[in-house]
Structures are given as C-alpha cells and as structure tokens.
Amino acid sequence: MAATTYDLLIEQGASFSQVVTYKEAGVAINLTGYTARMQVRSTLESASTIVELTTANSRITLGGAAGTITLTISATDTAALPAGRGVYDLELVSGSGIATRLLQGVCTISRNVTR
C-alpha cells in the first residue's frame, strides 16, 4: 500500500492536534502492539529534524482497535518551531518490526503574530 499524501498545517504558539484513522477496505486496523514515528524536516535531504513525534515521546497516541492515530504538539513547543515549509512522513511499526509509511506530504508552520 502506498502512503497517502496529506499536507499538515502547524500554527506557531497554538496547540496542534490531528487525528487520523488507519483503515483498509473501510475497516479500522487494530493498532494494539504498534508504535509510530513521524519527523518533519526542511527538505528530504536535511540531516536535522524540525520536530519529531513518536509514541515514545507521547506526541503520538494510538487508539488500539479504533485504528486512530493522534498527533499532538503543545503550544509551548509549536512556539519554538521555525516558520516555513518542510516535508514529513508518518510510519507505523508493528510488534514484529514491520514498518509501514501511512502518510507523507508538506508541513507548513505558520508564523504567529500574538506572542
């Protein structure tokens, strides 16, 4: 299965939350025993990350049988992100170590005015 292209918008200084549901043939996939990871970089070739979300750092929460994947970044953390455009992808890793890229796309971090 090819990754779905989906663009994200993160606003500096605001809490970021995005929920996606992983389904195949319209049926939610049980994510019990999975982990997830996501990185935002300025370009595909960038060695450093702008922000990283994982189940280990609690910025990604998996919803078990519901198949939900919740991405979160606190307002304090988004305030520290540089404004601009980058790229990202989101991967799920099964308990047996099989990685699946679910989403990929452009991530825009919009500058806040109120600080």
PDB file of N, CA and C in Angstrom:
ATOM      1  N   MET A   1       0.833  -1.170   0.000  1.00  0.00           N
ATOM      2  CA  MET A   1       0.000   0.000   0.000  1.00  0.00           C
ATOM      3  C   MET A   1       0.881   1.237   0.000  1.00  0.00           C
ATOM      4  N   ALA A   2       0.655   2.139  -0.911  1.00  0.00           N
ATOM      5  CA  ALA A   2       1.420   3.391  -0.992  1.00  0.00           C
ATOM      6  C   ALA A   2       0.927   4.374   0.065  1.00  0.00           C
ATOM      7  N   ALA A   3       1.848   5.185   0.547  1.00  0.00           N
ATOM      8  CA  ALA A   3       1.496   6.207   1.534  1.00  0.00           C
ATOM      9  C   ALA A   3       0.535   7.221   0.912  1.00  0.00           C
ATOM     10  N   THR A   4      -0.387   7.709   1.719  1.00  0.00           N
ATOM     11  CA  THR A   4      -1.310   8.752   1.305  1.00  0.00           C
ATOM     12  C   THR A   4      -0.634  10.100   1.476  1.00  0.00           C
ATOM     13  N   THR A   5      -0.777  10.981   0.499  1.00  0.00           N
ATOM     14  CA  THR A   5      -0.239  12.333   0.610  1.00  0.00           C
ATOM     15  C   THR A   5      -1.275  13.221   1.277  1.00  0.00           C
ATOM     16  N   TYR A   6      -0.851  13.846   2.372  1.00  0.00           N
ATOM     17  CA  TYR A   6      -1.741  14.707   3.148  1.00  0.00           C
ATOM     18  C   TYR A   6      -0.891  15.833   3.727  1.00  0.00           C
ATOM     19  N   ASP A   7      -1.229  17.066   3.428  1.00  0.00           N
ATOM     20  CA  ASP A   7      -0.453  18.202   3.908  1.00  0.00           C
ATOM     21  C   ASP A   7      -0.945  18.644   5.281  1.00  0.00           C
ATOM     22  N   LEU A   8      -0.002  19.037   6.139  1.00  0.00           N
ATOM     23  CA  LEU A   8      -0.298  19.472   7.501  1.00  0.00           C
ATOM     24  C   LEU A   8      -0.030  20.958   7.665  1.00  0.00           C
ATOM     25  N   LEU A   9      -0.777  21.585   8.562  1.00  0.00           N
ATOM     26  CA  LEU A   9      -0.552  22.974   8.950  1.00  0.00           C
ATOM     27  C   LEU A   9      -0.393  23.013  10.461  1.00  0.00           C
ATOM     28  N   ILE A  10       0.748  23.531  10.912  1.00  0.00           N
ATOM     29  CA  ILE A  10       1.011  23.730  12.333  1.00  0.00           C
ATOM     30  C   ILE A  10       1.134  25.232  12.543  1.00  0.00           C
ATOM     31  N   GLU A  11       0.390  25.761  13.511  1.00  0.00           N
ATOM     32  CA  GLU A  11       0.425  27.194  13.791  1.00  0.00           C
ATOM     33  C   GLU A  11       1.319  27.445  15.002  1.00  0.00           C
ATOM     34  N   GLN A  12       2.330  28.322  14.842  1.00  0.00           N
ATOM     35  CA  GLN A  12       3.208  28.663  15.953  1.00  0.00           C
ATOM     36  C   GLN A  12       2.385  29.174  17.128  1.00  0.00           C
ATOM     37  N   GLY A  13       2.736  28.744  18.328  1.00  0.00           N
ATOM     38  CA  GLY A  13       2.104  29.241  19.539  1.00  0.00           C
ATOM     39  C   GLY A  13       0.727  28.680  19.845  1.00  0.00           C
ATOM     40  N   ALA A  14       0.229  27.792  18.998  1.00  0.00           N
ATOM     41  CA  ALA A  14      -1.078  27.158  19.222  1.00  0.00           C
ATOM     42  C   ALA A  14      -0.885  25.655  19.398  1.00  0.00           C
ATOM     43  N   SER A  15      -1.736  25.052  20.190  1.00  0.00           N
ATOM     44  CA  SER A  15      -1.693  23.597  20.341  1.00  0.00           C
ATOM     45  C   SER A  15      -2.050  22.951  19.005  1.00  0.00           C
ATOM     46  N   PHE A  16      -1.295  21.934  18.629  1.00  0.00           N
ATOM     47  CA  PHE A  16      -1.544  21.196  17.386  1.00  0.00           C
ATOM     48  C   PHE A  16      -2.086  19.831  17.750  1.00  0.00           C
ATOM     49  N   SER A  17      -3.182  19.443  17.122  1.00  0.00           N
ATOM     50  CA  SER A  17      -3.752  18.118  17.300  1.00  0.00           C
ATOM     51  C   SER A  17      -4.398  17.687  15.991  1.00  0.00           C
ATOM     52  N   GLN A  18      -4.041  16.508  15.552  1.00  0.00           N
ATOM     53  CA  GLN A  18      -4.598  15.955  14.318  1.00  0.00           C
ATOM     54  C   GLN A  18      -4.879  14.479  14.560  1.00  0.00           C
ATOM     55  N   VAL A  19      -6.082  14.038  14.249  1.00  0.00           N
ATOM     56  CA  VAL A  19      -6.450  12.633  14.411  1.00  0.00           C
ATOM     57  C   VAL A  19      -6.704  12.035  13.039  1.00  0.00           C
ATOM     58  N   VAL A  20      -6.068  10.908  12.774  1.00  0.00           N
ATOM     59  CA  VAL A  20      -6.319  10.160  11.544  1.00  0.00           C
ATOM     60  C   VAL A  20      -6.700   8.734  11.936  1.00  0.00           C
ATOM     61  N   THR A  21      -7.473   8.095  11.099  1.00  0.00           N
ATOM     62  CA  THR A  21      -7.865   6.708  11.351  1.00  0.00           C
ATOM     63  C   THR A  21      -7.315   5.837  10.234  1.00  0.00           C
ATOM     64  N   TYR A  22      -6.588   4.799  10.608  1.00  0.00           N
ATOM     65  CA  TYR A  22      -6.000   3.864   9.652  1.00  0.00           C
ATOM     66  C   TYR A  22      -7.036   2.793   9.340  1.00  0.00           C
ATOM     67  N   LYS A  23      -7.456   2.762   8.064  1.00  0.00           N
ATOM     68  CA  LYS A  23      -8.450   1.786   7.614  1.00  0.00           C
ATOM     69  C   LYS A  23      -7.972   1.098   6.351  1.00  0.00           C
ATOM     70  N   GLU A  24      -8.381  -0.130   6.197  1.00  0.00           N
ATOM     71  CA  GLU A  24      -8.198  -0.865   4.941  1.00  0.00           C
ATOM     72  C   GLU A  24      -9.557  -1.401   4.546  1.00  0.00           C
ATOM     73  N   ALA A  25      -9.964  -1.140   3.312  1.00  0.00           N
ATOM     74  CA  ALA A  25     -11.274  -1.545   2.797  1.00  0.00           C
ATOM     75  C   ALA A  25     -12.390  -1.062   3.712  1.00  0.00           C
ATOM     76  N   GLY A  26     -12.221   0.142   4.280  1.00  0.00           N
ATOM     77  CA  GLY A  26     -13.243   0.743   5.119  1.00  0.00           C
ATOM     78  C   GLY A  26     -13.299   0.238   6.548  1.00  0.00           C
ATOM     79  N   VAL A  27     -12.401  -0.671   6.920  1.00  0.00           N
ATOM     80  CA  VAL A  27     -12.399  -1.254   8.260  1.00  0.00           C
ATOM     81  C   VAL A  27     -11.180  -0.749   9.027  1.00  0.00           C
ATOM     82  N   ALA A  28     -11.401  -0.246  10.251  1.00  0.00           N
ATOM     83  CA  ALA A  28     -10.300   0.251  11.083  1.00  0.00           C
ATOM     84  C   ALA A  28      -9.332  -0.883  11.408  1.00  0.00           C
ATOM     85  N   ILE A  29      -8.040  -0.573  11.321  1.00  0.00           N
ATOM     86  CA  ILE A  29      -6.990  -1.543  11.646  1.00  0.00           C
ATOM     87  C   ILE A  29      -6.665  -1.440  13.129  1.00  0.00           C
ATOM     88  N   ASN A  30      -6.630  -2.576  13.806  1.00  0.00           N
ATOM     89  CA  ASN A  30      -6.305  -2.611  15.228  1.00  0.00           C
ATOM     90  C   ASN A  30      -4.815  -2.303  15.403  1.00  0.00           C
ATOM     91  N   LEU A  31      -4.507  -1.229  16.101  1.00  0.00           N
ATOM     92  CA  LEU A  31      -3.120  -0.784  16.274  1.00  0.00           C
ATOM     93  C   LEU A  31      -2.517  -1.208  17.610  1.00  0.00           C
ATOM     94  N   THR A  32      -3.177  -2.125  18.300  1.00  0.00           N
ATOM     95  CA  THR A  32      -2.631  -2.652  19.543  1.00  0.00           C
ATOM     96  C   THR A  32      -1.293  -3.321  19.245  1.00  0.00           C
ATOM     97  N   GLY A  33      -0.259  -2.979  20.024  1.00  0.00           N
ATOM     98  CA  GLY A  33       1.076  -3.552  19.838  1.00  0.00           C
ATOM     99  C   GLY A  33       1.938  -2.798  18.845  1.00  0.00           C
ATOM    100  N   TYR A  34       1.401  -1.744  18.222  1.00  0.00           N
ATOM    101  CA  TYR A  34       2.155  -0.932  17.264  1.00  0.00           C
ATOM    102  C   TYR A  34       2.809   0.257  17.966  1.00  0.00           C
ATOM    103  N   THR A  35       3.824   0.802  17.332  1.00  0.00           N
ATOM    104  CA  THR A  35       4.384   2.096  17.691  1.00  0.00           C
ATOM    105  C   THR A  35       4.319   2.957  16.439  1.00  0.00           C
ATOM    106  N   ALA A  36       4.551   4.259  16.610  1.00  0.00           N
ATOM    107  CA  ALA A  36       4.509   5.157  15.462  1.00  0.00           C
ATOM    108  C   ALA A  36       5.597   6.207  15.601  1.00  0.00           C
ATOM    109  N   ARG A  37       6.008   6.736  14.447  1.00  0.00           N
ATOM    110  CA  ARG A  37       7.039   7.781  14.424  1.00  0.00           C
ATOM    111  C   ARG A  37       6.797   8.709  13.247  1.00  0.00           C
ATOM    112  N   MET A  38       7.133   9.971  13.469  1.00  0.00           N
ATOM    113  CA  MET A  38       6.960  10.981  12.429  1.00  0.00           C
ATOM    114  C   MET A  38       8.057  12.026  12.604  1.00  0.00           C
ATOM    115  N   GLN A  39       8.622  12.454  11.495  1.00  0.00           N
ATOM    116  CA  GLN A  39       9.621  13.521  11.517  1.00  0.00           C
ATOM    117  C   GLN A  39       9.251  14.574  10.488  1.00  0.00           C
ATOM    118  N   VAL A  40       9.502  15.841  10.863  1.00  0.00           N
ATOM    119  CA  VAL A  40       9.374  16.958   9.946  1.00  0.00           C
ATOM    120  C   VAL A  40      10.779  17.480   9.706  1.00  0.00           C
ATOM    121  N   ARG A  41      11.147  17.644   8.444  1.00  0.00           N
ATOM    122  CA  ARG A  41      12.456  18.177   8.057  1.00  0.00           C
ATOM    123  C   ARG A  41      12.235  19.303   7.056  1.00  0.00           C
ATOM    124  N   SER A  42      13.207  20.195   6.933  1.00  0.00           N
ATOM    125  CA  SER A  42      13.041  21.307   5.984  1.00  0.00           C
ATOM    126  C   SER A  42      13.057  20.806   4.541  1.00  0.00           C
ATOM    127  N   THR A  43      13.856  19.791   4.245  1.00  0.00           N
ATOM    128  CA  THR A  43      13.876  19.140   2.929  1.00  0.00           C
ATOM    129  C   THR A  43      14.084  17.647   3.129  1.00  0.00           C
ATOM    130  N   LEU A  44      13.873  16.878   2.086  1.00  0.00           N
ATOM    131  CA  LEU A  44      14.129  15.433   2.173  1.00  0.00           C
ATOM    132  C   LEU A  44      15.571  15.132   2.531  1.00  0.00           C
ATOM    133  N   GLU A  45      16.494  15.988   2.095  1.00  0.00           N
ATOM    134  CA  GLU A  45      17.917  15.756   2.300  1.00  0.00           C
ATOM    135  C   GLU A  45      18.436  16.283   3.632  1.00  0.00           C
ATOM    136  N   SER A  46      17.633  17.028   4.381  1.00  0.00           N
ATOM    137  CA  SER A  46      18.078  17.628   5.642  1.00  0.00           C
ATOM    138  C   SER A  46      18.503  16.557   6.637  1.00  0.00           C
ATOM    139  N   ALA A  47      19.654  16.779   7.269  1.00  0.00           N
ATOM    140  CA  ALA A  47      20.147  15.847   8.280  1.00  0.00           C
ATOM    141  C   ALA A  47      19.427  16.039   9.615  1.00  0.00           C
ATOM    142  N   SER A  48      18.964  17.245   9.882  1.00  0.00           N
ATOM    143  CA  SER A  48      18.328  17.519  11.173  1.00  0.00           C
ATOM    144  C   SER A  48      16.808  17.598  11.018  1.00  0.00           C
ATOM    145  N   THR A  49      16.133  17.304  12.117  1.00  0.00           N
ATOM    146  CA  THR A  49      14.676  17.375  12.129  1.00  0.00           C
ATOM    147  C   THR A  49      14.216  18.697  12.730  1.00  0.00           C
ATOM    148  N   ILE A  50      13.082  19.182  12.271  1.00  0.00           N
ATOM    149  CA  ILE A  50      12.448  20.363  12.846  1.00  0.00           C
ATOM    150  C   ILE A  50      11.676  19.943  14.094  1.00  0.00           C
ATOM    151  N   VAL A  51      10.958  18.849  13.981  1.00  0.00           N
ATOM    152  CA  VAL A  51      10.211  18.305  15.119  1.00  0.00           C
ATOM    153  C   VAL A  51      10.014  16.809  14.880  1.00  0.00           C
ATOM    154  N   GLU A  52       9.998  16.060  15.976  1.00  0.00           N
ATOM    155  CA  GLU A  52       9.800  14.620  15.902  1.00  0.00           C
ATOM    156  C   GLU A  52       8.660  14.227  16.831  1.00  0.00           C
ATOM    157  N   LEU A  53       7.765  13.417  16.310  1.00  0.00           N
ATOM    158  CA  LEU A  53       6.647  12.895  17.089  1.00  0.00           C
ATOM    159  C   LEU A  53       6.766  11.386  17.099  1.00  0.00           C
ATOM    160  N   THR A  54       6.645  10.783  18.278  1.00  0.00           N
ATOM    161  CA  THR A  54       6.699   9.323  18.398  1.00  0.00           C
ATOM    162  C   THR A  54       5.747   8.889  19.511  1.00  0.00           C
ATOM    163  N   THR A  55       5.463   7.605  19.539  1.00  0.00           N
ATOM    164  CA  THR A  55       4.709   7.078  20.672  1.00  0.00           C
ATOM    165  C   THR A  55       5.596   7.133  21.918  1.00  0.00           C
ATOM    166  N   ALA A  56       6.909   7.019  21.761  1.00  0.00           N
ATOM    167  CA  ALA A  56       7.830   7.061  22.904  1.00  0.00           C
ATOM    168  C   ALA A  56       7.867   8.438  23.564  1.00  0.00           C
ATOM    169  N   ASN A  57       7.768   9.520  22.774  1.00  0.00           N
ATOM    170  CA  ASN A  57       7.794  10.865  23.376  1.00  0.00           C
ATOM    171  C   ASN A  57       6.381  11.413  23.638  1.00  0.00           C
ATOM    172  N   SER A  58       5.381  10.546  23.493  1.00  0.00           N
ATOM    173  CA  SER A  58       3.970  10.858  23.789  1.00  0.00           C
ATOM    174  C   SER A  58       3.359  11.924  22.893  1.00  0.00           C
ATOM    175  N   ARG A  59       3.983  12.222  21.770  1.00  0.00           N
ATOM    176  CA  ARG A  59       3.376  13.147  20.813  1.00  0.00           C
ATOM    177  C   ARG A  59       2.485  12.407  19.813  1.00  0.00           C
ATOM    178  N   ILE A  60       2.555  11.070  19.849  1.00  0.00           N
ATOM    179  CA  ILE A  60       1.635  10.239  19.063  1.00  0.00           C
ATOM    180  C   ILE A  60       0.969   9.255  20.019  1.00  0.00           C
ATOM    181  N   THR A  61      -0.359   9.186  19.928  1.00  0.00           N
ATOM    182  CA  THR A  61      -1.133   8.233  20.720  1.00  0.00           C
ATOM    183  C   THR A  61      -1.911   7.357  19.755  1.00  0.00           C
ATOM    184  N   LEU A  62      -1.809   6.047  19.946  1.00  0.00           N
ATOM    185  CA  LEU A  62      -2.530   5.097  19.102  1.00  0.00           C
ATOM    186  C   LEU A  62      -3.775   4.617  19.827  1.00  0.00           C
ATOM    187  N   GLY A  63      -4.873   4.503  19.082  1.00  0.00           N
ATOM    188  CA  GLY A  63      -6.174   4.171  19.665  1.00  0.00           C
ATOM    189  C   GLY A  63      -6.576   2.718  19.587  1.00  0.00           C
ATOM    190  N   GLY A  64      -5.626   1.804  19.545  1.00  0.00           N
ATOM    191  CA  GLY A  64      -5.948   0.376  19.584  1.00  0.00           C
ATOM    192  C   GLY A  64      -6.904  -0.062  18.496  1.00  0.00           C
ATOM    193  N   ALA A  65      -7.995  -0.737  18.885  1.00  0.00           N
ATOM    194  CA  ALA A  65      -8.948  -1.307  17.932  1.00  0.00           C
ATOM    195  C   ALA A  65      -9.653  -0.253  17.090  1.00  0.00           C
ATOM    196  N   ALA A  66      -9.718   0.989  17.577  1.00  0.00           N
ATOM    197  CA  ALA A  66     -10.371   2.062  16.825  1.00  0.00           C
ATOM    198  C   ALA A  66      -9.544   2.493  15.618  1.00  0.00           C
ATOM    199  N   GLY A  67      -8.249   2.147  15.604  1.00  0.00           N
ATOM    200  CA  GLY A  67      -7.382   2.485  14.478  1.00  0.00           C
ATOM    201  C   GLY A  67      -6.974   3.944  14.410  1.00  0.00           C
ATOM    202  N   THR A  68      -7.200   4.694  15.492  1.00  0.00           N
ATOM    203  CA  THR A  68      -6.884   6.122  15.464  1.00  0.00           C
ATOM    204  C   THR A  68      -5.416   6.387  15.803  1.00  0.00           C
ATOM    205  N   ILE A  69      -4.921   7.437  15.184  1.00  0.00           N
ATOM    206  CA  ILE A  69      -3.559   7.927  15.423  1.00  0.00           C
ATOM    207  C   ILE A  69      -3.703   9.415  15.719  1.00  0.00           C
ATOM    208  N   THR A  70      -3.349   9.813  16.942  1.00  0.00           N
ATOM    209  CA  THR A  70      -3.477  11.207  17.344  1.00  0.00           C
ATOM    210  C   THR A  70      -2.092  11.832  17.441  1.00  0.00           C
ATOM    211  N   LEU A  71      -1.891  12.892  16.660  1.00  0.00           N
ATOM    212  CA  LEU A  71      -0.644  13.642  16.657  1.00  0.00           C
ATOM    213  C   LEU A  71      -0.854  14.891  17.494  1.00  0.00           C
ATOM    214  N   THR A  72       0.052  15.186  18.433  1.00  0.00           N
ATOM    215  CA  THR A  72      -0.093  16.377  19.263  1.00  0.00           C
ATOM    216  C   THR A  72       1.248  17.057  19.500  1.00  0.00           C
ATOM    217  N   ILE A  73       1.208  18.376  19.504  1.00  0.00           N
ATOM    218  CA  ILE A  73       2.363  19.195  19.879  1.00  0.00           C
ATOM    219  C   ILE A  73       1.807  20.332  20.731  1.00  0.00           C
ATOM    220  N   SER A  74       2.407  20.569  21.886  1.00  0.00           N
ATOM    221  CA  SER A  74       1.919  21.611  22.788  1.00  0.00           C
ATOM    222  C   SER A  74       2.145  23.000  22.194  1.00  0.00           C
ATOM    223  N   ALA A  75       1.382  23.966  22.689  1.00  0.00           N
ATOM    224  CA  ALA A  75       1.522  25.356  22.245  1.00  0.00           C
ATOM    225  C   ALA A  75       2.931  25.873  22.536  1.00  0.00           C
ATOM    226  N   THR A  76       3.489  25.488  23.679  1.00  0.00           N
ATOM    227  CA  THR A  76       4.855  25.902  24.029  1.00  0.00           C
ATOM    228  C   THR A  76       5.851  25.383  22.997  1.00  0.00           C
ATOM    229  N   ASP A  77       5.675  24.135  22.583  1.00  0.00           N
ATOM    230  CA  ASP A  77       6.601  23.546  21.612  1.00  0.00           C
ATOM    231  C   ASP A  77       6.409  24.110  20.205  1.00  0.00           C
ATOM    232  N   THR A  78       5.156  24.382  19.805  1.00  0.00           N
ATOM    233  CA  THR A  78       4.963  24.953  18.467  1.00  0.00           C
ATOM    234  C   THR A  78       5.519  26.367  18.394  1.00  0.00           C
ATOM    235  N   ALA A  79       5.511  27.089  19.521  1.00  0.00           N
ATOM    236  CA  ALA A  79       6.050  28.449  19.550  1.00  0.00           C
ATOM    237  C   ALA A  79       7.541  28.470  19.212  1.00  0.00           C
ATOM    238  N   ALA A  80       8.223  27.360  19.494  1.00  0.00           N
ATOM    239  CA  ALA A  80       9.667  27.285  19.241  1.00  0.00           C
ATOM    240  C   ALA A  80      10.007  26.791  17.832  1.00  0.00           C
ATOM    241  N   LEU A  81       9.002  26.387  17.058  1.00  0.00           N
ATOM    242  CA  LEU A  81       9.264  25.871  15.709  1.00  0.00           C
ATOM    243  C   LEU A  81       9.495  27.030  14.736  1.00  0.00           C
ATOM    244  N   PRO A  82      10.402  26.840  13.777  1.00  0.00           N
ATOM    245  CA  PRO A  82      10.632  27.896  12.788  1.00  0.00           C
ATOM    246  C   PRO A  82       9.509  27.930  11.749  1.00  0.00           C
ATOM    247  N   ALA A  83       9.054  29.128  11.415  1.00  0.00           N
ATOM    248  CA  ALA A  83       8.023  29.260  10.386  1.00  0.00           C
ATOM    249  C   ALA A  83       8.600  28.856   9.038  1.00  0.00           C
ATOM    250  N   GLY A  84       7.763  28.271   8.207  1.00  0.00           N
ATOM    251  CA  GLY A  84       8.182  27.868   6.866  1.00  0.00           C
ATOM    252  C   GLY A  84       7.552  26.553   6.457  1.00  0.00           C
ATOM    253  N   ARG A  85       8.061  26.026   5.356  1.00  0.00           N
ATOM    254  CA  ARG A  85       7.538  24.766   4.814  1.00  0.00           C
ATOM    255  C   ARG A  85       8.593  23.694   4.904  1.00  0.00           C
ATOM    256  N   GLY A  86       8.137  22.493   5.172  1.00  0.00           N
ATOM    257  CA  GLY A  86       9.022  21.341   5.215  1.00  0.00           C
ATOM    258  C   GLY A  86       8.281  20.121   4.697  1.00  0.00           C
ATOM    259  N   VAL A  87       8.880  18.979   4.899  1.00  0.00           N
ATOM    260  CA  VAL A  87       8.284  17.707   4.488  1.00  0.00           C
ATOM    261  C   VAL A  87       8.220  16.785   5.695  1.00  0.00           C
ATOM    262  N   TYR A  88       7.300  15.820   5.644  1.00  0.00           N
ATOM    263  CA  TYR A  88       7.169  14.875   6.751  1.00  0.00           C
ATOM    264  C   TYR A  88       6.717  13.527   6.210  1.00  0.00           C
ATOM    265  N   ASP A  89       6.878  12.518   7.048  1.00  0.00           N
ATOM    266  CA  ASP A  89       6.168  11.265   6.836  1.00  0.00           C
ATOM    267  C   ASP A  89       5.850  10.649   8.190  1.00  0.00           C
ATOM    268  N   LEU A  90       4.843   9.792   8.192  1.00  0.00           N
ATOM    269  CA  LEU A  90       4.362   9.122   9.393  1.00  0.00           C
ATOM    270  C   LEU A  90       4.421   7.622   9.140  1.00  0.00           C
ATOM    271  N   GLU A  91       5.106   6.916  10.031  1.00  0.00           N
ATOM    272  CA  GLU A  91       5.246   5.470   9.898  1.00  0.00           C
ATOM    273  C   GLU A  91       4.675   4.758  11.114  1.00  0.00           C
ATOM    274  N   LEU A  92       4.056   3.607  10.863  1.00  0.00           N
ATOM    275  CA  LEU A  92       3.632   2.685  11.914  1.00  0.00           C
ATOM    276  C   LEU A  92       4.594   1.516  11.910  1.00  0.00           C
ATOM    277  N   VAL A  93       4.902   0.995  13.094  1.00  0.00           N
ATOM    278  CA  VAL A  93       5.782  -0.164  13.206  1.00  0.00           C
ATOM    279  C   VAL A  93       5.042  -1.219  14.011  1.00  0.00           C
ATOM    280  N   SER A  94       4.867  -2.392  13.406  1.00  0.00           N
ATOM    281  CA  SER A  94       4.159  -3.484  14.084  1.00  0.00           C
ATOM    282  C   SER A  94       5.041  -4.063  15.190  1.00  0.00           C
ATOM    283  N   GLY A  95       4.437  -4.851  16.060  1.00  0.00           N
ATOM    284  CA  GLY A  95       5.181  -5.507  17.134  1.00  0.00           C
ATOM    285  C   GLY A  95       6.290  -6.399  16.621  1.00  0.00           C
ATOM    286  N   SER A  96       6.153  -6.889  15.381  1.00  0.00           N
ATOM    287  CA  SER A  96       7.194  -7.743  14.788  1.00  0.00           C
ATOM    288  C   SER A  96       8.229  -6.935  13.999  1.00  0.00           C
ATOM    289  N   GLY A  97       8.103  -5.590  14.033  1.00  0.00           N
ATOM    290  CA  GLY A  97       9.117  -4.732  13.415  1.00  0.00           C
ATOM    291  C   GLY A  97       8.869  -4.334  11.974  1.00  0.00           C
ATOM    292  N   ILE A  98       7.695  -4.627  11.435  1.00  0.00           N
ATOM    293  CA  ILE A  98       7.391  -4.250  10.061  1.00  0.00           C
ATOM    294  C   ILE A  98       6.923  -2.797  10.025  1.00  0.00           C
ATOM    295  N   ALA A  99       7.646  -1.964   9.272  1.00  0.00           N
ATOM    296  CA  ALA A  99       7.323  -0.537   9.172  1.00  0.00           C
ATOM    297  C   ALA A  99       6.458  -0.285   7.941  1.00  0.00           C
ATOM    298  N   THR A 100       5.436   0.537   8.122  1.00  0.00           N
ATOM    299  CA  THR A 100       4.542   0.932   7.043  1.00  0.00           C
ATOM    300  C   THR A 100       4.434   2.445   7.044  1.00  0.00           C
ATOM    301  N   ARG A 101       4.749   3.062   5.910  1.00  0.00           N
ATOM    302  CA  ARG A 101       4.581   4.513   5.811  1.00  0.00           C
ATOM    303  C   ARG A 101       3.129   4.776   5.443  1.00  0.00           C
ATOM    304  N   LEU A 102       2.415   5.485   6.314  1.00  0.00           N
ATOM    305  CA  LEU A 102       0.996   5.765   6.093  1.00  0.00           C
ATOM    306  C   LEU A 102       0.755   7.094   5.401  1.00  0.00           C
ATOM    307  N   LEU A 103       1.426   8.136   5.895  1.00  0.00           N
ATOM    308  CA  LEU A 103       1.207   9.479   5.380  1.00  0.00           C
ATOM    309  C   LEU A 103       2.538  10.128   5.017  1.00  0.00           C
ATOM    310  N   GLN A 104       2.446  11.068   4.080  1.00  0.00           N
ATOM    311  CA  GLN A 104       3.599  11.883   3.715  1.00  0.00           C
ATOM    312  C   GLN A 104       3.074  13.167   3.097  1.00  0.00           C
ATOM    313  N   GLY A 105       3.902  14.196   3.119  1.00  0.00           N
ATOM    314  CA  GLY A 105       3.461  15.427   2.494  1.00  0.00           C
ATOM    315  C   GLY A 105       4.242  16.635   2.948  1.00  0.00           C
ATOM    316  N   VAL A 106       3.654  17.784   2.716  1.00  0.00           N
ATOM    317  CA  VAL A 106       4.232  19.066   3.087  1.00  0.00           C
ATOM    318  C   VAL A 106       3.693  19.443   4.461  1.00  0.00           C
ATOM    319  N   CYS A 107       4.559  19.992   5.292  1.00  0.00           N
ATOM    320  CA  CYS A 107       4.158  20.502   6.592  1.00  0.00           C
ATOM    321  C   CYS A 107       4.488  21.990   6.611  1.00  0.00           C
ATOM    322  N   THR A 108       3.459  22.820   6.742  1.00  0.00           N
ATOM    323  CA  THR A 108       3.648  24.262   6.804  1.00  0.00           C
ATOM    324  C   THR A 108       3.510  24.709   8.250  1.00  0.00           C
ATOM    325  N   ILE A 109       4.499  25.452   8.713  1.00  0.00           N
ATOM    326  CA  ILE A 109       4.456  26.041  10.054  1.00  0.00           C
ATOM    327  C   ILE A 109       4.224  27.525   9.860  1.00  0.00           C
ATOM    328  N   SER A 110       3.018  27.979  10.239  1.00  0.00           N
ATOM    329  CA  SER A 110       2.675  29.385  10.007  1.00  0.00           C
ATOM    330  C   SER A 110       3.102  30.233  11.206  1.00  0.00           C
ATOM    331  N   ARG A 111       3.606  31.412  10.898  1.00  0.00           N
ATOM    332  CA  ARG A 111       4.110  32.329  11.921  1.00  0.00           C
ATOM    333  C   ARG A 111       2.950  32.929  12.713  1.00  0.00           C
ATOM    334  N   ASN A 112       3.142  33.025  14.018  1.00  0.00           N
ATOM    335  CA  ASN A 112       2.109  33.687  14.813  1.00  0.00           C
ATOM    336  C   ASN A 112       2.423  35.163  14.958  1.00  0.00           C
ATOM    337  N   VAL A 113       1.380  35.942  15.144  1.00  0.00           N
ATOM    338  CA  VAL A 113       1.511  37.383  15.335  1.00  0.00           C
ATOM    339  C   VAL A 113       1.517  37.701  16.838  1.00  0.00           C
ATOM    340  N   THR A 114       0.604  37.074  17.574  1.00  0.00           N
ATOM    341  CA  THR A 114       0.496  37.299  19.015  1.00  0.00           C
ATOM    342  C   THR A 114       1.541  36.457  19.722  1.00  0.00           C
ATOM    343  N   ARG A 115       2.392  37.111  20.498  1.00  0.00           N
ATOM    344  CA  ARG A 115       3.461  36.376  21.192  1.00  0.00           C
ATOM    345  C   ARG A 115       3.464  36.715  22.649  1.00  0.00           C
TER     346      ARG A 115
END
